[in-house]
PDB file of N, CA and C in Angstrom:
ATOM      1  N   UNK A   1      86.717  79.663  71.494  1.00  0.00           N
ATOM      2  CA  UNK A   1      87.090  80.768  72.648  1.00  0.00           C
ATOM      3  C   UNK A   1      88.570  81.676  72.510  1.00  0.00           C
ATOM      4  N   UNK A   2      88.878  82.906  73.203  1.00  0.00           N
ATOM      5  CA  UNK A   2      90.200  82.803  73.879  1.00  0.00           C
ATOM      6  C   UNK A   2      90.540  82.477  75.267  1.00  0.00           C
ATOM      7  N   UNK A   3      91.994  82.439  75.139  1.00  0.00           N
ATOM      8  CA  UNK A   3      92.588  81.819  76.658  1.00  0.00           C
ATOM      9  C   UNK A   3      92.155  82.930  77.762  1.00  0.00           C
ATOM     10  N   UNK A   4      92.293  83.255  77.324  1.00  0.00           N
ATOM     11  CA  UNK A   4      91.459  84.961  78.440  1.00  0.00           C
ATOM     12  C   UNK A   4      90.008  84.354  78.978  1.00  0.00           C
ATOM     13  N   UNK A   5      89.245  84.721  77.498  1.00  0.00           N
ATOM     14  CA  UNK A   5      87.768  83.953  78.521  1.00  0.00           C
ATOM     15  C   UNK A   5      87.761  83.110  78.993  1.00  0.00           C
ATOM     16  N   UNK A   6      88.473  82.078  79.105  1.00  0.00           N
ATOM     17  CA  UNK A   6      88.417  81.043  79.632  1.00  0.00           C
ATOM     18  C   UNK A   6      88.941  80.881  80.965  1.00  0.00           C
ATOM     19  N   UNK A   7      89.401  82.018  80.705  1.00  0.00           N
ATOM     20  CA  UNK A   7      90.661  81.607  82.571  1.00  0.00           C
ATOM     21  C   UNK A   7      89.418  82.891  83.438  1.00  0.00           C
ATOM     22  N   UNK A   8      89.101  83.767  82.631  1.00  0.00           N
ATOM     23  CA  UNK A   8      87.808  84.621  83.245  1.00  0.00           C
ATOM     24  C   UNK A   8      87.036  83.962  83.705  1.00  0.00           C
ATOM     25  N   UNK A   9      86.635  82.853  83.120  1.00  0.00           N
ATOM     26  CA  UNK A   9      85.181  82.307  83.444  1.00  0.00           C
ATOM     27  C   UNK A   9      85.424  81.339  84.186  1.00  0.00           C
ATOM     28  N   UNK A  10      86.454  80.493  84.995  1.00  0.00           N
ATOM     29  CA  UNK A  10      87.225  80.322  85.633  1.00  0.00           C
ATOM     30  C   UNK A  10      87.218  80.961  86.616  1.00  0.00           C
ATOM     31  N   UNK A  11      87.441  82.021  87.198  1.00  0.00           N
ATOM     32  CA  UNK A  11      87.621  83.042  87.607  1.00  0.00           C
ATOM     33  C   UNK A  11      86.313  83.386  88.220  1.00  0.00           C
ATOM     34  N   UNK A  12      85.120  83.574  87.484  1.00  0.00           N
ATOM     35  CA  UNK A  12      84.063  83.272  87.567  1.00  0.00           C
ATOM     36  C   UNK A  12      83.225  82.909  88.426  1.00  0.00           C
ATOM     37  N   UNK A  13      83.313  81.370  88.188  1.00  0.00           N
ATOM     38  CA  UNK A  13      82.748  80.477  88.626  1.00  0.00           C
ATOM     39  C   UNK A  13      83.557  80.492  90.438  1.00  0.00           C
ATOM     40  N   UNK A  14      85.030  80.514  90.021  1.00  0.00           N
ATOM     41  CA  UNK A  14      85.131  80.899  91.692  1.00  0.00           C
ATOM     42  C   UNK A  14      84.684  82.022  92.729  1.00  0.00           C
ATOM     43  N   UNK A  15      84.048  82.961  91.877  1.00  0.00           N
ATOM     44  CA  UNK A  15      83.376  84.104  92.389  1.00  0.00           C
ATOM     45  C   UNK A  15      81.778  83.276  92.907  1.00  0.00           C
ATOM     46  N   UNK A  16      81.464  82.947  92.406  1.00  0.00           N
ATOM     47  CA  UNK A  16      80.185  81.700  92.425  1.00  0.00           C
ATOM     48  C   UNK A  16      80.159  81.328  94.020  1.00  0.00           C
ATOM     49  N   UNK A  17      81.743  80.438  93.899  1.00  0.00           N
ATOM     50  CA  UNK A  17      81.558  79.668  95.041  1.00  0.00           C
ATOM     51  C   UNK A  17      82.491  80.347  96.062  1.00  0.00           C
ATOM     52  N   UNK A  18      82.512  81.196  95.981  1.00  0.00           N
ATOM     53  CA  UNK A  18      82.676  82.105  96.922  1.00  0.00           C
ATOM     54  C   UNK A  18      81.488  82.663  97.487  1.00  0.00           C
ATOM     55  N   UNK A  19      80.548  83.200  96.435  1.00  0.00           N
ATOM     56  CA  UNK A  19      79.696  83.604  97.012  1.00  0.00           C
ATOM     57  C   UNK A  19      78.476  82.808  97.330  1.00  0.00           C
ATOM     58  N   UNK A  20      78.619  80.979  97.371  1.00  0.00           N
ATOM     59  CA  UNK A  20      77.315  80.576  97.575  1.00  0.00           C
ATOM     60  C   UNK A  20      77.685  80.278  99.373  1.00  0.00           C
ATOM     61  N   UNK A  21      79.426  80.185  99.674  1.00  0.00           N
ATOM     62  CA  UNK A  21      80.316  80.194 100.492  1.00  0.00           C
ATOM     63  C   UNK A  21      79.257  81.111 101.935  1.00  0.00           C
ATOM     64  N   UNK A  22      79.127  82.186 101.325  1.00  0.00           N
ATOM     65  CA  UNK A  22      79.315  83.100 102.189  1.00  0.00           C
ATOM     66  C   UNK A  22      77.491  83.077 102.325  1.00  0.00           C
ATOM     67  N   UNK A  23      76.669  83.165 101.373  1.00  0.00           N
ATOM     68  CA  UNK A  23      75.068  82.545 101.186  1.00  0.00           C
ATOM     69  C   UNK A  23      75.052  81.473 102.665  1.00  0.00           C
ATOM     70  N   UNK A  24      75.539  80.424 102.396  1.00  0.00           N
ATOM     71  CA  UNK A  24      74.877  79.417 103.488  1.00  0.00           C
ATOM     72  C   UNK A  24      75.957  80.052 105.162  1.00  0.00           C
ATOM     73  N   UNK A  25      76.285  81.067 104.972  1.00  0.00           N
ATOM     74  CA  UNK A  25      77.479  81.090 106.412  1.00  0.00           C
ATOM     75  C   UNK A  25      76.680  81.599 107.190  1.00  0.00           C
ATOM     76  N   UNK A  26      76.667  80.656 108.670  1.00  0.00           N
ATOM     77  CA  UNK A  26      75.440  80.995 109.362  1.00  0.00           C
ATOM     78  C   UNK A  26      76.672  80.690 110.517  1.00  0.00           C
ATOM     79  N   UNK A  27      76.520  81.152 111.720  1.00  0.00           N
ATOM     80  CA  UNK A  27      76.971  81.365 113.107  1.00  0.00           C
ATOM     81  C   UNK A  27      77.376  79.857 113.279  1.00  0.00           C
ATOM     82  N   UNK A  28      76.622  79.049 113.483  1.00  0.00           N
ATOM     83  CA  UNK A  28      77.149  77.364 114.377  1.00  0.00           C
ATOM     84  C   UNK A  28      78.379  77.232 112.593  1.00  0.00           C
ATOM     85  N   UNK A  29      78.096  78.012 111.476  1.00  0.00           N
ATOM     86  CA  UNK A  29      79.161  76.931 110.840  1.00  0.00           C
ATOM     87  C   UNK A  29      80.957  77.841 110.199  1.00  0.00           C
ATOM     88  N   UNK A  30      80.262  79.184 111.010  1.00  0.00           N
ATOM     89  CA  UNK A  30      81.588  79.901 110.852  1.00  0.00           C
ATOM     90  C   UNK A  30      83.078  79.011 110.744  1.00  0.00           C
ATOM     91  N   UNK A  31      83.249  78.558 112.053  1.00  0.00           N
ATOM     92  CA  UNK A  31      84.637  78.106 112.321  1.00  0.00           C
ATOM     93  C   UNK A  31      85.289  77.145 111.417  1.00  0.00           C
ATOM     94  N   UNK A  32      83.946  76.128 110.914  1.00  0.00           N
ATOM     95  CA  UNK A  32      84.363  75.508 109.169  1.00  0.00           C
ATOM     96  C   UNK A  32      84.355  75.814 108.024  1.00  0.00           C
ATOM     97  N   UNK A  33      84.143  76.736 108.232  1.00  0.00           N
ATOM     98  CA  UNK A  33      83.156  77.431 106.988  1.00  0.00           C
ATOM     99  C   UNK A  33      84.501  78.904 106.552  1.00  0.00           C
ATOM    100  N   UNK A  34      85.147  79.527 107.135  1.00  0.00           N
ATOM    101  CA  UNK A  34      85.807  80.653 106.881  1.00  0.00           C
ATOM    102  C   UNK A  34      87.432  80.796 106.576  1.00  0.00           C
ATOM    103  N   UNK A  35      88.463  79.199 106.877  1.00  0.00           N
ATOM    104  CA  UNK A  35      89.541  78.569 105.989  1.00  0.00           C
ATOM    105  C   UNK A  35      89.181  78.420 104.656  1.00  0.00           C
ATOM    106  N   UNK A  36      87.754  77.898 104.408  1.00  0.00           N
ATOM    107  CA  UNK A  36      87.467  77.549 102.963  1.00  0.00           C
ATOM    108  C   UNK A  36      87.326  78.522 101.885  1.00  0.00           C
ATOM    109  N   UNK A  37      86.552  79.982 102.772  1.00  0.00           N
ATOM    110  CA  UNK A  37      86.329  80.643 101.423  1.00  0.00           C
ATOM    111  C   UNK A  37      87.404  81.466 101.735  1.00  0.00           C
ATOM    112  N   UNK A  38      88.821  81.455 103.264  1.00  0.00           N
ATOM    113  CA  UNK A  38      89.727  82.226 103.054  1.00  0.00           C
ATOM    114  C   UNK A  38      90.836  81.200 101.365  1.00  0.00           C
ATOM    115  N   UNK A  39      90.440  80.546 101.755  1.00  0.00           N
ATOM    116  CA  UNK A  39      91.364  79.478 100.513  1.00  0.00           C
ATOM    117  C   UNK A  39      91.036  79.731  99.330  1.00  0.00           C
ATOM    118  N   UNK A  40      89.542  80.038  99.504  1.00  0.00           N
ATOM    119  CA  UNK A  40      89.118  80.787  97.694  1.00  0.00           C
ATOM    120  C   UNK A  40      88.889  81.576  97.548  1.00  0.00           C
ATOM    121  N   UNK A  41      89.558  82.976  98.301  1.00  0.00           N
ATOM    122  CA  UNK A  41      89.678  83.669  98.374  1.00  0.00           C
ATOM    123  C   UNK A  41      91.440  83.832  97.980  1.00  0.00           C
ATOM    124  N   UNK A  42      92.131  83.227  98.342  1.00  0.00           N
ATOM    125  CA  UNK A  42      93.890  83.796  97.850  1.00  0.00           C
ATOM    126  C   UNK A  42      94.036  83.189  96.800  1.00  0.00           C
ATOM    127  N   UNK A  43      92.908  82.214  96.093  1.00  0.00           N
ATOM    128  CA  UNK A  43      92.834  81.148  95.349  1.00  0.00           C
ATOM    129  C   UNK A  43      92.271  82.305  94.403  1.00  0.00           C
ATOM    130  N   UNK A  44      91.591  83.378  94.349  1.00  0.00           N
ATOM    131  CA  UNK A  44      90.870  83.944  93.378  1.00  0.00           C
ATOM    132  C   UNK A  44      91.904  85.469  93.207  1.00  0.00           C
ATOM    133  N   UNK A  45      92.627  85.577  94.060  1.00  0.00           N
ATOM    134  CA  UNK A  45      93.439  86.253  93.806  1.00  0.00           C
ATOM    135  C   UNK A  45      95.037  86.176  93.179  1.00  0.00           C
ATOM    136  N   UNK A  46      95.068  85.123  93.107  1.00  0.00           N
ATOM    137  CA  UNK A  46      96.174  84.332  92.610  1.00  0.00           C
ATOM    138  C   UNK A  46      95.656  84.323  91.205  1.00  0.00           C
ATOM    139  N   UNK A  47      94.627  84.051  90.568  1.00  0.00           N
ATOM    140  CA  UNK A  47      94.193  83.880  89.345  1.00  0.00           C
ATOM    141  C   UNK A  47      93.874  85.073  89.152  1.00  0.00           C
ATOM    142  N   UNK A  48      93.548  86.387  89.424  1.00  0.00           N
ATOM    143  CA  UNK A  48      93.492  87.580  88.817  1.00  0.00           C
ATOM    144  C   UNK A  48      95.101  87.948  88.941  1.00  0.00           C
ATOM    145  N   UNK A  49      95.749  87.428  89.709  1.00  0.00           N
ATOM    146  CA  UNK A  49      97.045  88.128  89.239  1.00  0.00           C
ATOM    147  C   UNK A  49      97.778  87.345  88.044  1.00  0.00           C
ATOM    148  N   UNK A  50      97.500  85.862  88.175  1.00  0.00           N
ATOM    149  CA  UNK A  50      98.242  85.453  86.639  1.00  0.00           C
ATOM    150  C   UNK A  50      97.493  86.072  85.569  1.00  0.00           C
ATOM    151  N   UNK A  51      96.051  86.568  85.462  1.00  0.00           N
ATOM    152  CA  UNK A  51      95.295  86.260  84.640  1.00  0.00           C
ATOM    153  C   UNK A  51      95.952  87.979  84.159  1.00  0.00           C
ATOM    154  N   UNK A  52      96.076  89.233  84.909  1.00  0.00           N
ATOM    155  CA  UNK A  52      97.201  90.029  84.248  1.00  0.00           C
ATOM    156  C   UNK A  52      98.627  90.048  84.096  1.00  0.00           C
ATOM    157  N   UNK A  53      99.043  89.411  84.561  1.00  0.00           N
ATOM    158  CA  UNK A  53     100.755  89.314  84.209  1.00  0.00           C
ATOM    159  C   UNK A  53     100.995  88.851  83.324  1.00  0.00           C
ATOM    160  N   UNK A  54      99.486  87.479  82.823  1.00  0.00           N
ATOM    161  CA  UNK A  54      99.356  86.637  81.317  1.00  0.00           C
ATOM    162  C   UNK A  54      99.716  87.465  80.683  1.00  0.00           C
ATOM    163  N   UNK A  55      98.618  88.353  80.609  1.00  0.00           N
ATOM    164  CA  UNK A  55      97.530  89.014  79.287  1.00  0.00           C
ATOM    165  C   UNK A  55      97.910  91.061  79.379  1.00  0.00           C
ATOM    166  N   UNK A  56      98.243  91.108  80.682  1.00  0.00           N
ATOM    167  CA  UNK A  56      98.288  92.955  80.928  1.00  0.00           C
ATOM    168  C   UNK A  56      97.040  93.040  81.820  1.00  0.00           C
ATOM    169  N   UNK A  57      97.311  94.333  81.886  1.00  0.00           N
ATOM    170  CA  UNK A  57      95.521  95.112  82.518  1.00  0.00           C
ATOM    171  C   UNK A  57      94.990  95.310  81.609  1.00  0.00           C
ATOM    172  N   UNK A  58      94.694  95.657  80.603  1.00  0.00           N
ATOM    173  CA  UNK A  58      94.349  96.582  80.097  1.00  0.00           C
ATOM    174  C   UNK A  58      93.016  95.700  79.410  1.00  0.00           C
ATOM    175  N   UNK A  59      93.415  94.177  78.924  1.00  0.00           N
ATOM    176  CA  UNK A  59      93.077  93.070  78.338  1.00  0.00           C
ATOM    177  C   UNK A  59      92.478  92.588  79.803  1.00  0.00           C
ATOM    178  N   UNK A  60      92.616  92.171  81.160  1.00  0.00           N
ATOM    179  CA  UNK A  60      91.613  91.858  81.581  1.00  0.00           C
ATOM    180  C   UNK A  60      90.331  92.805  82.568  1.00  0.00           C
ATOM    181  N   UNK A  61      90.979  94.526  82.439  1.00  0.00           N
ATOM    182  CA  UNK A  61      89.534  95.829  82.426  1.00  0.00           C
ATOM    183  C   UNK A  61      88.736  95.179  81.100  1.00  0.00           C
ATOM    184  N   UNK A  62      89.497  94.741  80.339  1.00  0.00           N
ATOM    185  CA  UNK A  62      88.230  94.516  78.725  1.00  0.00           C
ATOM    186  C   UNK A  62      87.350  93.030  78.942  1.00  0.00           C
ATOM    187  N   UNK A  63      88.578  92.718  79.573  1.00  0.00           N
ATOM    188  CA  UNK A  63      87.671  90.691  79.397  1.00  0.00           C
ATOM    189  C   UNK A  63      86.728  90.472  80.833  1.00  0.00           C
ATOM    190  N   UNK A  64      87.154  91.617  81.485  1.00  0.00           N
ATOM    191  CA  UNK A  64      86.816  90.896  83.339  1.00  0.00           C
ATOM    192  C   UNK A  64      86.290  92.115  84.205  1.00  0.00           C
ATOM    193  N   UNK A  65      85.543  92.806  83.728  1.00  0.00           N
ATOM    194  CA  UNK A  65      85.332  94.697  84.180  1.00  0.00           C
ATOM    195  C   UNK A  65      84.151  93.627  85.007  1.00  0.00           C
ATOM    196  N   UNK A  66      83.852  92.840  84.403  1.00  0.00           N
ATOM    197  CA  UNK A  66      82.404  91.904  85.274  1.00  0.00           C
ATOM    198  C   UNK A  66      83.061  91.735  86.607  1.00  0.00           C
ATOM    199  N   UNK A  67      83.922  90.949  86.603  1.00  0.00           N
ATOM    200  CA  UNK A  67      84.836  90.197  87.781  1.00  0.00           C
ATOM    201  C   UNK A  67      85.416  91.256  88.888  1.00  0.00           C
ATOM    202  N   UNK A  68      85.038  92.453  88.516  1.00  0.00           N
ATOM    203  CA  UNK A  68      85.548  93.876  89.186  1.00  0.00           C
ATOM    204  C   UNK A  68      84.087  94.180  90.061  1.00  0.00           C
ATOM    205  N   UNK A  69      83.258  93.924  89.417  1.00  0.00           N
ATOM    206  CA  UNK A  69      81.595  94.481  89.963  1.00  0.00           C
ATOM    207  C   UNK A  69      81.353  93.410  91.001  1.00  0.00           C
ATOM    208  N   UNK A  70      81.429  92.215  90.238  1.00  0.00           N
ATOM    209  CA  UNK A  70      80.686  91.009  91.756  1.00  0.00           C
ATOM    210  C   UNK A  70      81.520  90.786  92.615  1.00  0.00           C
ATOM    211  N   UNK A  71      82.918  91.491  92.553  1.00  0.00           N
ATOM    212  CA  UNK A  71      83.982  90.738  93.521  1.00  0.00           C
ATOM    213  C   UNK A  71      83.759  92.316  94.849  1.00  0.00           C
ATOM    214  N   UNK A  72      83.147  93.451  94.065  1.00  0.00           N
ATOM    215  CA  UNK A  72      82.804  94.177  94.635  1.00  0.00           C
ATOM    216  C   UNK A  72      81.403  94.217  96.355  1.00  0.00           C
ATOM    217  N   UNK A  73      80.585  93.421  94.885  1.00  0.00           N
ATOM    218  CA  UNK A  73      79.126  93.037  95.890  1.00  0.00           C
ATOM    219  C   UNK A  73      79.554  91.768  96.382  1.00  0.00           C
ATOM    220  N   UNK A  74      81.052  90.871  96.388  1.00  0.00           N
ATOM    221  CA  UNK A  74      80.850  89.836  97.362  1.00  0.00           C
ATOM    222  C   UNK A  74      81.847  90.657  98.664  1.00  0.00           C
ATOM    223  N   UNK A  75      82.506  91.586  98.559  1.00  0.00           N
ATOM    224  CA  UNK A  75      83.025  92.327  99.387  1.00  0.00           C
ATOM    225  C   UNK A  75      81.859  92.837 100.108  1.00  0.00           C
ATOM    226  N   UNK A  76      80.803  93.411  99.962  1.00  0.00           N
ATOM    227  CA  UNK A  76      79.888  93.921 100.506  1.00  0.00           C
ATOM    228  C   UNK A  76      78.866  93.616 101.062  1.00  0.00           C
ATOM    229  N   UNK A  77      78.802  91.301 100.567  1.00  0.00           N
ATOM    230  CA  UNK A  77      77.988  90.271 101.462  1.00  0.00           C
ATOM    231  C   UNK A  77      78.354  90.221 102.432  1.00  0.00           C
ATOM    232  N   UNK A  78      79.953  90.282 102.662  1.00  0.00           N
ATOM    233  CA  UNK A  78      80.472  90.014 103.490  1.00  0.00           C
ATOM    234  C   UNK A  78      81.179  90.760 104.507  1.00  0.00           C
ATOM    235  N   UNK A  79      80.868  91.927 104.610  1.00  0.00           N
ATOM    236  CA  UNK A  79      80.565  92.735 105.228  1.00  0.00           C
ATOM    237  C   UNK A  79      79.087  92.745 105.472  1.00  0.00           C
ATOM    238  N   UNK A  80      77.795  92.994 104.784  1.00  0.00           N
ATOM    239  CA  UNK A  80      76.990  92.675 105.792  1.00  0.00           C
ATOM    240  C   UNK A  80      77.004  91.684 106.518  1.00  0.00           C
ATOM    241  N   UNK A  81      77.372  89.947 106.917  1.00  0.00           N
ATOM    242  CA  UNK A  81      77.695  89.054 106.974  1.00  0.00           C
ATOM    243  C   UNK A  81      78.610  89.274 108.736  1.00  0.00           C
ATOM    244  N   UNK A  82      80.085  90.208 108.448  1.00  0.00           N
ATOM    245  CA  UNK A  82      80.369  90.909 110.048  1.00  0.00           C
ATOM    246  C   UNK A  82      79.437  91.519 110.379  1.00  0.00           C
ATOM    247  N   UNK A  83      78.659  92.307 110.195  1.00  0.00           N
ATOM    248  CA  UNK A  83      77.938  93.636 110.871  1.00  0.00           C
ATOM    249  C   UNK A  83      76.815  92.366 111.491  1.00  0.00           C
ATOM    250  N   UNK A  84      76.207  91.147 110.989  1.00  0.00           N
ATOM    251  CA  UNK A  84      75.024  90.360 110.911  1.00  0.00           C
ATOM    252  C   UNK A  84      75.800  89.493 112.267  1.00  0.00           C
ATOM    253  N   UNK A  85      77.072  89.151 112.324  1.00  0.00           N
ATOM    254  CA  UNK A  85      77.660  88.509 113.268  1.00  0.00           C
ATOM    255  C   UNK A  85      78.333  89.350 114.594  1.00  0.00           C
ATOM    256  N   UNK A  86      78.479  90.470 114.662  1.00  0.00           N
ATOM    257  CA  UNK A  86      79.102  91.713 115.196  1.00  0.00           C
ATOM    258  C   UNK A  86      77.571  91.801 116.052  1.00  0.00           C
ATOM    259  N   UNK A  87      76.754  92.130 115.375  1.00  0.00           N
ATOM    260  CA  UNK A  87      75.481  92.483 116.183  1.00  0.00           C
ATOM    261  C   UNK A  87      75.432  91.083 116.897  1.00  0.00           C
ATOM    262  N   UNK A  88      75.102  89.677 116.992  1.00  0.00           N
ATOM    263  CA  UNK A  88      74.591  88.820 117.220  1.00  0.00           C
ATOM    264  C   UNK A  88      75.626  88.723 118.619  1.00  0.00           C
ATOM    265  N   UNK A  89      77.009  89.070 118.812  1.00  0.00           N
ATOM    266  CA  UNK A  89      77.626  89.022 119.560  1.00  0.00           C
ATOM    267  C   UNK A  89      77.602  89.947 120.428  1.00  0.00           C
ATOM    268  N   UNK A  90      77.175  91.505 120.536  1.00  0.00           N
ATOM    269  CA  UNK A  90      76.726  92.679 120.953  1.00  0.00           C
ATOM    270  C   UNK A  90      75.290  92.208 121.662  1.00  0.00           C
ATOM    271  N   UNK A  91      74.382  91.866 121.588  1.00  0.00           N
ATOM    272  CA  UNK A  91      73.053  90.824 121.643  1.00  0.00           C
ATOM    273  C   UNK A  91      73.238  89.980 122.972  1.00  0.00           C
ATOM    274  N   UNK A  92      74.035  89.061 123.079  1.00  0.00           N
ATOM    275  CA  UNK A  92      74.972  88.145 123.206  1.00  0.00           C
ATOM    276  C   UNK A  92      75.278  88.807 124.526  1.00  0.00           C
ATOM    277  N   UNK A  93      76.204  89.548 124.584  1.00  0.00           N
ATOM    278  CA  UNK A  93      77.035  90.180 125.550  1.00  0.00           C
ATOM    279  C   UNK A  93      76.043  91.099 126.451  1.00  0.00           C
ATOM    280  N   UNK A  94      74.748  91.937 125.651  1.00  0.00           N
ATOM    281  CA  UNK A  94      74.169  92.672 126.916  1.00  0.00           C
ATOM    282  C   UNK A  94      73.369  90.953 127.668  1.00  0.00           C
ATOM    283  N   UNK A  95      73.040  90.396 127.225  1.00  0.00           N
ATOM    284  CA  UNK A  95      72.084  89.397 127.857  1.00  0.00           C
ATOM    285  C   UNK A  95      73.126  88.759 129.058  1.00  0.00           C
ATOM    286  N   UNK A  96      74.643  88.316 128.459  1.00  0.00           N
ATOM    287  CA  UNK A  96      74.527  88.305 129.582  1.00  0.00           C
ATOM    288  C   UNK A  96      75.279  89.182 130.745  1.00  0.00           C
ATOM    289  N   UNK A  97      75.478  90.979 130.711  1.00  0.00           N
ATOM    290  CA  UNK A  97      75.204  90.948 131.377  1.00  0.00           C
ATOM    291  C   UNK A  97      74.654  91.577 132.288  1.00  0.00           C
ATOM    292  N   UNK A  98      72.959  91.549 131.782  1.00  0.00           N
ATOM    293  CA  UNK A  98      71.423  91.412 132.696  1.00  0.00           C
ATOM    294  C   UNK A  98      71.731  89.915 133.321  1.00  0.00           C
ATOM    295  N   UNK A  99      72.650  88.923 132.938  1.00  0.00           N
ATOM    296  CA  UNK A  99      72.135  87.716 133.592  1.00  0.00           C
ATOM    297  C   UNK A  99      73.142  88.090 135.296  1.00  0.00           C
ATOM    298  N   UNK A 100      74.561  88.713 134.712  1.00  0.00           N
ATOM    299  CA  UNK A 100      75.393  88.729 135.644  1.00  0.00           C
ATOM    300  C   UNK A 100      75.018  89.596 136.728  1.00  0.00           C
ATOM    301  N   UNK A 101      73.600  90.705 136.506  1.00  0.00           N
ATOM    302  CA  UNK A 101      73.403  91.919 137.015  1.00  0.00           C
ATOM    303  C   UNK A 101      72.081  91.193 138.095  1.00  0.00           C
ATOM    304  N   UNK A 102      71.204  90.218 137.482  1.00  0.00           N
ATOM    305  CA  UNK A 102      70.102  90.141 137.962  1.00  0.00           C
ATOM    306  C   UNK A 102      71.082  88.972 139.294  1.00  0.00           C
ATOM    307  N   UNK A 103      72.198  87.981 139.133  1.00  0.00           N
ATOM    308  CA  UNK A 103      72.411  86.924 139.915  1.00  0.00           C
ATOM    309  C   UNK A 103      73.265  87.652 140.960  1.00  0.00           C
ATOM    310  N   UNK A 104      73.608  89.035 140.543  1.00  0.00           N
ATOM    311  CA  UNK A 104      74.690  89.800 142.360  1.00  0.00           C
ATOM    312  C   UNK A 104      73.150  90.161 143.421  1.00  0.00           C
ATOM    313  N   UNK A 105      72.120  90.956 142.347  1.00  0.00           N
ATOM    314  CA  UNK A 105      70.662  91.360 143.086  1.00  0.00           C
ATOM    315  C   UNK A 105      70.445  90.101 143.404  1.00  0.00           C
ATOM    316  N   UNK A 106      70.016  89.045 143.631  1.00  0.00           N
ATOM    317  CA  UNK A 106      69.605  87.612 143.789  1.00  0.00           C
ATOM    318  C   UNK A 106      70.581  87.330 144.843  1.00  0.00           C
ATOM    319  N   UNK A 107      71.478  87.616 145.137  1.00  0.00           N
ATOM    320  CA  UNK A 107      72.995  87.272 146.509  1.00  0.00           C
ATOM    321  C   UNK A 107      73.024  88.391 147.530  1.00  0.00           C
ATOM    322  N   UNK A 108      72.331  89.537 147.077  1.00  0.00           N
ATOM    323  CA  UNK A 108      71.954  90.514 148.107  1.00  0.00           C
ATOM    324  C   UNK A 108      70.872  90.531 148.650  1.00  0.00           C
ATOM    325  N   UNK A 109      70.391  90.442 147.630  1.00  0.00           N
ATOM    326  CA  UNK A 109      68.821  90.263 148.310  1.00  0.00           C
ATOM    327  C   UNK A 109      68.872  89.189 149.351  1.00  0.00           C
ATOM    328  N   UNK A 110      69.562  87.821 149.414  1.00  0.00           N
ATOM    329  CA  UNK A 110      69.713  86.519 150.232  1.00  0.00           C
ATOM    330  C   UNK A 110      70.742  87.066 151.896  1.00  0.00           C
ATOM    331  N   UNK A 111      71.559  88.153 151.383  1.00  0.00           N
ATOM    332  CA  UNK A 111      71.705  88.403 153.223  1.00  0.00           C
ATOM    333  C   UNK A 111      70.625  90.111 153.778  1.00  0.00           C
TER     334      UNK A 111
END
């Protein structure tokens, strides 16, 4: 196995780890999981840059084209998670505003 293939395989494993972390991400674990995901993303960027520096962009594209596709899919997965979290935040905000309005109405009715 060529040296570049070994490095590509290590990078693939890093992508797997990031994908698994995103799959297991929930609101309750977001604060603890996001630093781990960020650390892995930085390691992924570093690994990609090392491959390009050592072997060149053409070799990276030749052997690592699958990496680029998987990275795009992970990016989409991350965007979907952000969308879900944003939706949950908006939902909670509406519930809180509704509760505050009901509380104000109850106070007005007392007087």
